C-alpha atoms as a PDB file:
ATOM      1  CA  MET A   1     -10.854 -24.576 -17.249  1.00  0.00           C
ATOM      2  CA  LYS A   2      -9.815 -22.037 -14.883  1.00  0.00           C
ATOM      3  CA  LYS A   3     -12.064 -21.143 -11.773  1.00  0.00           C
ATOM      4  CA  ARG A   4     -14.065 -17.919 -11.493  1.00  0.00           C
ATOM      5  CA  LEU A   5     -12.745 -15.041 -10.091  1.00  0.00           C
ATOM      6  CA  LYS A   6     -14.798 -12.997  -7.462  1.00  0.00           C
ATOM      7  CA  PHE A   7     -12.674  -9.824  -8.753  1.00  0.00           C
ATOM      8  CA  PRO A   8     -10.948  -9.973 -12.037  1.00  0.00           C
ATOM      9  CA  CYS A   9      -8.452  -7.336 -10.599  1.00  0.00           C
ATOM     10  CA  LEU A  10      -6.437  -6.926  -7.176  1.00  0.00           C
ATOM     11  CA  VAL A  11      -5.314  -3.481  -6.695  1.00  0.00           C
ATOM     12  CA  LEU A  12      -2.870  -3.658  -3.938  1.00  0.00           C
ATOM     13  CA  ASP A  13      -0.976  -1.311  -1.377  1.00  0.00           C
ATOM     14  CA  HIS A  14       2.225  -2.164  -1.404  1.00  0.00           C
ATOM     15  CA  ASP A  15       4.045  -0.998   1.798  1.00  0.00           C
ATOM     16  CA  ASP A  16       2.382  -3.075   4.850  1.00  0.00           C
ATOM     17  CA  THR A  17       0.119  -4.805   2.704  1.00  0.00           C
ATOM     18  CA  THR A  18       2.129  -6.833   0.272  1.00  0.00           C
ATOM     19  CA  VAL A  19       5.490  -6.194   1.807  1.00  0.00           C
ATOM     20  CA  ASN A  20       6.645  -5.899   5.523  1.00  0.00           C
ATOM     21  CA  SER A  21       8.364  -2.588   5.202  1.00  0.00           C
ATOM     22  CA  THR A  22       7.790   0.511   7.404  1.00  0.00           C
ATOM     23  CA  ALA A  23       9.048  -1.364  10.354  1.00  0.00           C
ATOM     24  CA  THR A  24      11.708  -2.769   8.695  1.00  0.00           C
ATOM     25  CA  VAL A  25      12.566  -0.056   6.212  1.00  0.00           C
ATOM     26  CA  HIS A  26      10.815   3.183   6.017  1.00  0.00           C
ATOM     27  CA  TYR A  27      10.653   3.884   9.566  1.00  0.00           C
ATOM     28  CA  PRO A  28      14.235   3.021  10.205  1.00  0.00           C
ATOM     29  CA  SER A  29      15.278   5.499   7.266  1.00  0.00           C
ATOM     30  CA  PHE A  30      12.920   8.127   8.895  1.00  0.00           C
ATOM     31  CA  VAL A  31      14.890   7.773  12.438  1.00  0.00           C
ATOM     32  CA  GLU A  32      18.622   8.062  10.838  1.00  0.00           C
ATOM     33  CA  TYR A  33      17.502  11.167   8.806  1.00  0.00           C
ATOM     34  CA  MET A  34      15.462  12.629  11.759  1.00  0.00           C
ATOM     35  CA  GLU A  35      18.203  12.187  14.374  1.00  0.00           C
ATOM     36  CA  VAL A  36      20.743  14.467  12.391  1.00  0.00           C
ATOM     37  CA  HIS A  37      18.398  17.051  10.780  1.00  0.00           C
ATOM     38  CA  ARG A  38      15.102  17.589  12.853  1.00  0.00           C
ATOM     39  CA  PRO A  39      15.734  15.273  16.390  1.00  0.00           C
ATOM     40  CA  GLU A  40      12.830  17.360  17.969  1.00  0.00           C
ATOM     41  CA  GLY A  41      10.538  16.096  15.376  1.00  0.00           C
ATOM     42  CA  MET A  42      10.996  12.448  16.222  1.00  0.00           C
ATOM     43  CA  LEU A  43       7.811  10.078  16.159  1.00  0.00           C
ATOM     44  CA  THR A  44       7.808   6.660  17.735  1.00  0.00           C
ATOM     45  CA  LEU A  45       7.019   3.612  15.078  1.00  0.00           C
ATOM     46  CA  GLU A  46       3.386   3.816  16.332  1.00  0.00           C
ATOM     47  CA  GLU A  47       2.848   7.438  15.965  1.00  0.00           C
ATOM     48  CA  TYR A  48       4.328   6.760  12.668  1.00  0.00           C
ATOM     49  CA  PHE A  49       2.110   4.369  11.599  1.00  0.00           C
ATOM     50  CA  ARG A  50      -0.958   6.436  12.762  1.00  0.00           C
ATOM     51  CA  TYR A  51       0.029   9.722  11.116  1.00  0.00           C
ATOM     52  CA  ASN A  52       0.864   7.808   8.118  1.00  0.00           C
ATOM     53  CA  SER A  53      -3.056   6.686   8.213  1.00  0.00           C
ATOM     54  CA  ASP A  54      -4.308  10.383   9.061  1.00  0.00           C
ATOM     55  CA  PRO A  55      -3.433  12.701   7.994  1.00  0.00           C
ATOM     56  CA  GLY A  56      -1.059  11.168   5.483  1.00  0.00           C
ATOM     57  CA  VAL A  57       2.579  10.818   4.783  1.00  0.00           C
ATOM     58  CA  ILE A  58       3.083  14.399   3.635  1.00  0.00           C
ATOM     59  CA  GLU A  59       1.292  16.206   6.145  1.00  0.00           C
ATOM     60  CA  MET A  60       2.949  13.847   8.843  1.00  0.00           C
ATOM     61  CA  LEU A  61       6.295  15.301   7.778  1.00  0.00           C
ATOM     62  CA  THR A  62       5.414  18.978   7.430  1.00  0.00           C
ATOM     63  CA  GLY A  63       2.549  19.426   9.724  1.00  0.00           C
ATOM     64  CA  ILE A  64       3.567  17.299  12.612  1.00  0.00           C
ATOM     65  CA  CYS A  65       7.590  16.825  12.415  1.00  0.00           C
ATOM     66  CA  GLY A  66       8.036  20.095  11.052  1.00  0.00           C
ATOM     67  CA  LEU A  67      10.290  19.334   7.831  1.00  0.00           C
ATOM     68  CA  THR A  68      10.987  22.253   5.475  1.00  0.00           C
ATOM     69  CA  GLU A  69       9.957  22.169   1.926  1.00  0.00           C
ATOM     70  CA  LYS A  70      14.129  22.061   1.456  1.00  0.00           C
ATOM     71  CA  GLN A  71      14.186  19.072   3.979  1.00  0.00           C
ATOM     72  CA  MET A  72      11.334  17.244   2.686  1.00  0.00           C
ATOM     73  CA  LYS A  73      13.244  16.811  -0.630  1.00  0.00           C
ATOM     74  CA  GLU A  74      16.536  15.920   1.141  1.00  0.00           C
ATOM     75  CA  GLU A  75      14.514  13.115   3.379  1.00  0.00           C
ATOM     76  CA  GLU A  76      13.010  12.267   0.050  1.00  0.00           C
ATOM     77  CA  ALA A  77      16.157  11.539  -1.789  1.00  0.00           C
ATOM     78  CA  PHE A  78      17.587   9.931   1.582  1.00  0.00           C
ATOM     79  CA  TRP A  79      14.781   7.272   1.886  1.00  0.00           C
ATOM     80  CA  ASN A  80      14.940   6.717  -2.028  1.00  0.00           C
ATOM     81  CA  GLU A  81      18.688   6.051  -1.333  1.00  0.00           C
ATOM     82  CA  TYR A  82      18.083   3.862   1.733  1.00  0.00           C
ATOM     83  CA  VAL A  83      15.475   1.645   0.304  1.00  0.00           C
ATOM     84  CA  GLN A  84      17.830   0.732  -2.482  1.00  0.00           C
ATOM     85  CA  ASP A  85      19.671  -1.349   0.170  1.00  0.00           C
ATOM     86  CA  HIS A  86      16.768  -2.466   2.153  1.00  0.00           C
ATOM     87  CA  VAL A  87      14.506  -4.725   0.379  1.00  0.00           C
ATOM     88  CA  PRO A  88      11.455  -5.581   3.073  1.00  0.00           C
ATOM     89  CA  GLU A  89      10.075  -9.227   2.742  1.00  0.00           C
ATOM     90  CA  ALA A  90       6.630 -10.365   1.614  1.00  0.00           C
ATOM     91  CA  TYR A  91       4.199 -11.594   4.294  1.00  0.00           C
ATOM     92  CA  PRO A  92       3.610 -14.911   4.238  1.00  0.00           C
ATOM     93  CA  GLY A  93       0.538 -16.261   1.733  1.00  0.00           C
ATOM     94  CA  ILE A  94       0.990 -13.170  -0.251  1.00  0.00           C
ATOM     95  CA  ARG A  95       2.710 -14.549  -2.856  1.00  0.00           C
ATOM     96  CA  GLU A  96       0.172 -17.603  -3.410  1.00  0.00           C
ATOM     97  CA  ILE A  97      -2.535 -15.205  -3.168  1.00  0.00           C
ATOM     98  CA  LEU A  98      -1.086 -13.657  -6.149  1.00  0.00           C
ATOM     99  CA  GLU A  99      -0.483 -16.851  -8.417  1.00  0.00           C
ATOM    100  CA  GLU A 100      -3.453 -17.918  -7.502  1.00  0.00           C
ATOM    101  CA  GLN A 101      -4.853 -14.704  -9.310  1.00  0.00           C
ATOM    102  CA  LYS A 102      -2.690 -14.874 -12.189  1.00  0.00           C
ATOM    103  CA  ALA A 103      -3.201 -18.652 -12.736  1.00  0.00           C
ATOM    104  CA  ARG A 104      -7.223 -17.934 -13.012  1.00  0.00           C
ATOM    105  CA  GLY A 105      -6.460 -15.493 -15.516  1.00  0.00           C
ATOM    106  CA  GLY A 106      -6.618 -12.214 -13.197  1.00  0.00           C
ATOM    107  CA  LYS A 107      -4.947  -8.956 -13.041  1.00  0.00           C
ATOM    108  CA  ILE A 108      -2.797  -7.504 -10.167  1.00  0.00           C
ATOM    109  CA  CYS A 109      -2.086  -3.760  -9.814  1.00  0.00           C
ATOM    110  CA  VAL A 110      -0.534  -2.003  -7.569  1.00  0.00           C
ATOM    111  CA  VAL A 111      -1.003   1.647  -6.178  1.00  0.00           C
ATOM    112  CA  SER A 112       1.080   2.852  -3.497  1.00  0.00           C
ATOM    113  CA  HIS A 113       3.434   5.757  -1.893  1.00  0.00           C
ATOM    114  CA  SER A 114       6.368   4.030  -3.050  1.00  0.00           C
ATOM    115  CA  PHE A 115       8.275   4.543  -6.287  1.00  0.00           C
ATOM    116  CA  SER A 116       7.467   1.906  -8.863  1.00  0.00           C
ATOM    117  CA  ASP A 117      10.864   0.943  -9.519  1.00  0.00           C
ATOM    118  CA  ASN A 118      11.619  -0.161  -6.140  1.00  0.00           C
ATOM    119  CA  ILE A 119       7.965  -1.928  -6.047  1.00  0.00           C
ATOM    120  CA  ARG A 120       9.224  -3.920  -8.899  1.00  0.00           C
ATOM    121  CA  ARG A 121      12.352  -4.838  -7.466  1.00  0.00           C
ATOM    122  CA  ASP A 122      10.660  -6.017  -3.982  1.00  0.00           C
ATOM    123  CA  TYR A 123       8.436  -8.286  -6.544  1.00  0.00           C
ATOM    124  CA  ARG A 124      11.326 -10.084  -8.185  1.00  0.00           C
ATOM    125  CA  GLN A 125      13.409  -9.968  -4.857  1.00  0.00           C
ATOM    126  CA  ASN A 126      10.520 -11.964  -3.071  1.00  0.00           C
ATOM    127  CA  GLY A 127       9.553 -14.157  -6.435  1.00  0.00           C
ATOM    128  CA  LEU A 128       6.253 -12.696  -6.871  1.00  0.00           C
ATOM    129  CA  PRO A 129       4.434 -12.566  -9.959  1.00  0.00           C
ATOM    130  CA  GLU A 130       4.922  -9.178 -11.790  1.00  0.00           C
ATOM    131  CA  PRO A 131       2.056  -6.548 -11.484  1.00  0.00           C
ATOM    132  CA  ASP A 132       0.328  -5.679 -14.801  1.00  0.00           C
ATOM    133  CA  LEU A 133       0.111  -1.933 -13.758  1.00  0.00           C
ATOM    134  CA  ILE A 134       2.011   0.116 -11.162  1.00  0.00           C
ATOM    135  CA  PHE A 135       1.038   3.790  -9.859  1.00  0.00           C
ATOM    136  CA  GLY A 136       3.794   5.044  -7.621  1.00  0.00           C
ATOM    137  CA  TRP A 137       5.044   7.690  -5.585  1.00  0.00           C
ATOM    138  CA  GLU A 138       6.622   9.250  -8.840  1.00  0.00           C
ATOM    139  CA  TYR A 139       3.354  10.276 -10.486  1.00  0.00           C
ATOM    140  CA  PRO A 140       2.405  14.140  -9.561  1.00  0.00           C
ATOM    141  CA  PRO A 141       0.571  14.463  -6.424  1.00  0.00           C
ATOM    142  CA  GLU A 142      -3.146  15.013  -8.226  1.00  0.00           C
ATOM    143  CA  LYS A 143      -2.956  11.368  -9.664  1.00  0.00           C
ATOM    144  CA  ARG A 144      -1.621   9.738  -6.476  1.00  0.00           C
ATOM    145  CA  LYS A 145      -4.198   7.965  -4.096  1.00  0.00           C
ATOM    146  CA  PRO A 146      -6.125   8.621  -2.077  1.00  0.00           C
ATOM    147  CA  SER A 147      -7.072  10.552  -5.744  1.00  0.00           C
ATOM    148  CA  PRO A 148      -9.337   8.182  -7.516  1.00  0.00           C
ATOM    149  CA  TRP A 149      -7.126   8.456 -10.835  1.00  0.00           C
ATOM    150  CA  PRO A 150      -5.337   5.342 -10.361  1.00  0.00           C
ATOM    151  CA  LEU A 151      -8.446   3.297 -10.256  1.00  0.00           C
ATOM    152  CA  GLU A 152     -10.023   5.193 -13.275  1.00  0.00           C
ATOM    153  CA  GLU A 153      -6.964   4.247 -15.277  1.00  0.00           C
ATOM    154  CA  THR A 154      -6.858   0.923 -14.432  1.00  0.00           C
ATOM    155  CA  MET A 155     -10.440   0.198 -15.403  1.00  0.00           C
ATOM    156  CA  ARG A 156      -9.626   2.358 -18.472  1.00  0.00           C
ATOM    157  CA  VAL A 157      -6.730   0.316 -19.700  1.00  0.00           C
ATOM    158  CA  LEU A 158      -7.859  -2.963 -18.714  1.00  0.00           C
ATOM    159  CA  GLY A 159     -11.834  -2.231 -19.766  1.00  0.00           C
ATOM    160  CA  LEU A 160     -13.004  -3.206 -16.230  1.00  0.00           C
ATOM    161  CA  ARG A 161     -15.873  -2.120 -14.241  1.00  0.00           C
ATOM    162  CA  PRO A 162     -16.034  -0.386 -10.606  1.00  0.00           C
ATOM    163  CA  GLU A 163     -17.422  -4.040  -8.970  1.00  0.00           C
ATOM    164  CA  GLU A 164     -14.883  -6.004 -10.949  1.00  0.00           C
ATOM    165  CA  LEU A 165     -11.657  -4.531  -9.096  1.00  0.00           C
ATOM    166  CA  LEU A 166     -10.608  -4.971  -4.974  1.00  0.00           C
ATOM    167  CA  VAL A 167      -8.553  -2.573  -3.595  1.00  0.00           C
ATOM    168  CA  VAL A 168      -6.513  -4.244  -0.243  1.00  0.00           C
ATOM    169  CA  ASP A 169      -4.570  -1.408   1.296  1.00  0.00           C
ATOM    170  CA  ASP A 170      -3.908  -0.857   5.138  1.00  0.00           C
ATOM    171  CA  LEU A 171      -4.388   2.703   5.433  1.00  0.00           C
ATOM    172  CA  ARG A 172      -7.153   5.551   5.171  1.00  0.00           C
ATOM    173  CA  PRO A 173      -5.320   6.938   1.774  1.00  0.00           C
ATOM    174  CA  GLY A 174      -6.340   3.044  -0.120  1.00  0.00           C
ATOM    175  CA  CYS A 175      -9.935   3.478   1.787  1.00  0.00           C
ATOM    176  CA  ASP A 176     -10.739   6.636   0.280  1.00  0.00           C
ATOM    177  CA  MET A 177      -9.376   6.054  -2.950  1.00  0.00           C
ATOM    178  CA  ALA A 178     -11.402   3.316  -3.509  1.00  0.00           C
ATOM    179  CA  GLY A 179     -14.511   5.144  -2.150  1.00  0.00           C
ATOM    180  CA  ALA A 180     -14.533   7.962  -4.383  1.00  0.00           C
ATOM    181  CA  ALA A 181     -14.017   5.580  -7.351  1.00  0.00           C
ATOM    182  CA  GLY A 182     -16.781   3.300  -6.293  1.00  0.00           C
ATOM    183  CA  VAL A 183     -14.550   0.356  -6.384  1.00  0.00           C
ATOM    184  CA  PRO A 184     -14.781  -2.381  -3.280  1.00  0.00           C
ATOM    185  CA  PHE A 185     -12.438  -2.183  -0.570  1.00  0.00           C
ATOM    186  CA  ALA A 186     -10.968  -4.539   1.440  1.00  0.00           C
ATOM    187  CA  ALA A 187      -8.981  -3.355   4.677  1.00  0.00           C
ATOM    188  CA  ALA A 188      -5.605  -5.264   5.399  1.00  0.00           C
ATOM    189  CA  GLY A 189      -4.997  -5.214   9.205  1.00  0.00           C
ATOM    190  CA  TRP A 190      -1.835  -7.612   9.298  1.00  0.00           C
ATOM    191  CA  ALA A 191       0.455  -5.266   9.271  1.00  0.00           C
ATOM    192  CA  ASN A 192      -0.036  -3.724  13.068  1.00  0.00           C
ATOM    193  CA  ASP A 193      -2.133  -3.707  16.284  1.00  0.00           C
ATOM    194  CA  ILE A 194      -2.437   0.112  16.646  1.00  0.00           C
ATOM    195  CA  PRO A 195      -6.215   0.145  17.950  1.00  0.00           C
ATOM    196  CA  GLU A 196      -7.361   3.700  16.153  1.00  0.00           C
ATOM    197  CA  ILE A 197      -6.287   2.260  12.892  1.00  0.00           C
ATOM    198  CA  GLU A 198      -8.149  -1.135  13.378  1.00  0.00           C
ATOM    199  CA  GLU A 199     -10.938   1.027  14.758  1.00  0.00           C
ATOM    200  CA  PHE A 200     -11.043   3.247  11.720  1.00  0.00           C
ATOM    201  CA  MET A 201     -10.592   0.449   9.026  1.00  0.00           C
ATOM    202  CA  ARG A 202     -12.722  -1.736  11.136  1.00  0.00           C
ATOM    203  CA  LYS A 203     -15.464   1.066  11.004  1.00  0.00           C
ATOM    204  CA  ASN A 204     -14.845   2.229   7.077  1.00  0.00           C
ATOM    205  CA  SER A 205     -14.416  -0.991   5.393  1.00  0.00           C
ATOM    206  CA  ARG A 206     -17.126  -3.794   4.100  1.00  0.00           C
ATOM    207  CA  LEU A 207     -14.380  -6.334   4.476  1.00  0.00           C
ATOM    208  CA  TYR A 208     -12.004  -6.488   7.018  1.00  0.00           C
ATOM    209  CA  PHE A 209      -8.962  -9.279   7.113  1.00  0.00           C
ATOM    210  CA  LYS A 210      -6.633  -9.649  10.098  1.00  0.00           C
ATOM    211  CA  THR A 211      -4.656 -12.238   8.347  1.00  0.00           C
ATOM    212  CA  VAL A 212      -3.356 -13.034   4.968  1.00  0.00           C
ATOM    213  CA  LYS A 213      -5.256 -16.178   4.943  1.00  0.00           C
ATOM    214  CA  GLU A 214      -8.640 -14.265   5.739  1.00  0.00           C
ATOM    215  CA  LEU A 215      -8.153 -12.684   2.449  1.00  0.00           C
ATOM    216  CA  ARG A 216      -6.730 -15.604   0.653  1.00  0.00           C
ATOM    217  CA  ASP A 217      -9.693 -17.652   1.728  1.00  0.00           C
ATOM    218  CA  TYR A 218     -12.602 -15.049   0.757  1.00  0.00           C
ATOM    219  CA  LEU A 219     -10.889 -14.439  -2.492  1.00  0.00           C
ATOM    220  CA  PHE A 220     -10.747 -17.855  -3.935  1.00  0.00           C
ATOM    221  CA  SER A 221     -13.355 -20.192  -1.887  1.00  0.00           C
ATOM    222  CA  GLU A 222     -16.169 -21.542  -3.990  1.00  0.00           C
ATOM    223  CA  PRO A 223     -19.825 -20.339  -3.428  1.00  0.00           C
END
């Protein structure tokens, strides 16, 4: 008999929640592009983390880094090519969480600002169970987080109620998405130690986990 799940569906962010990707893939790609095309808009890794959280990636690249519309398209193409040859590693303990969720009959969904094909590749390369649903960057802007649409669609497709989902994300867009859909939210605090991000996430999240183990203990501990 399968043990009962606190949340029948885990809705996971991908970058810096499931895989360690900003520091090892996305930021290095950003640096390579900016060094050639707009060096005056360069950011440090800490700034890159902070601005990704608030105001978000699009506003960061346009408003803070100063990329034009043409450069935005070029940077996205450069980034997409870069990630084809750079596979981030899953955080230790993530695979065990996903396997336990599946073993107990639960669902796994991904809502991310990475492309779905890259997410599937990362899951395969890291030996992670295949997600049931993925909502990636290929969706139009109005359907990407922080829009509540991915969660509304998840509930529609899987026939679940808001309280049966748990969103796990390291940044504000995931928190805002969950709040807009009335879905429980847990902050993933293991990707960085940036005080502003941690302060915001602790203040605005009912659940905050500094380690993957803390999340696993919460999800699967017996009442």
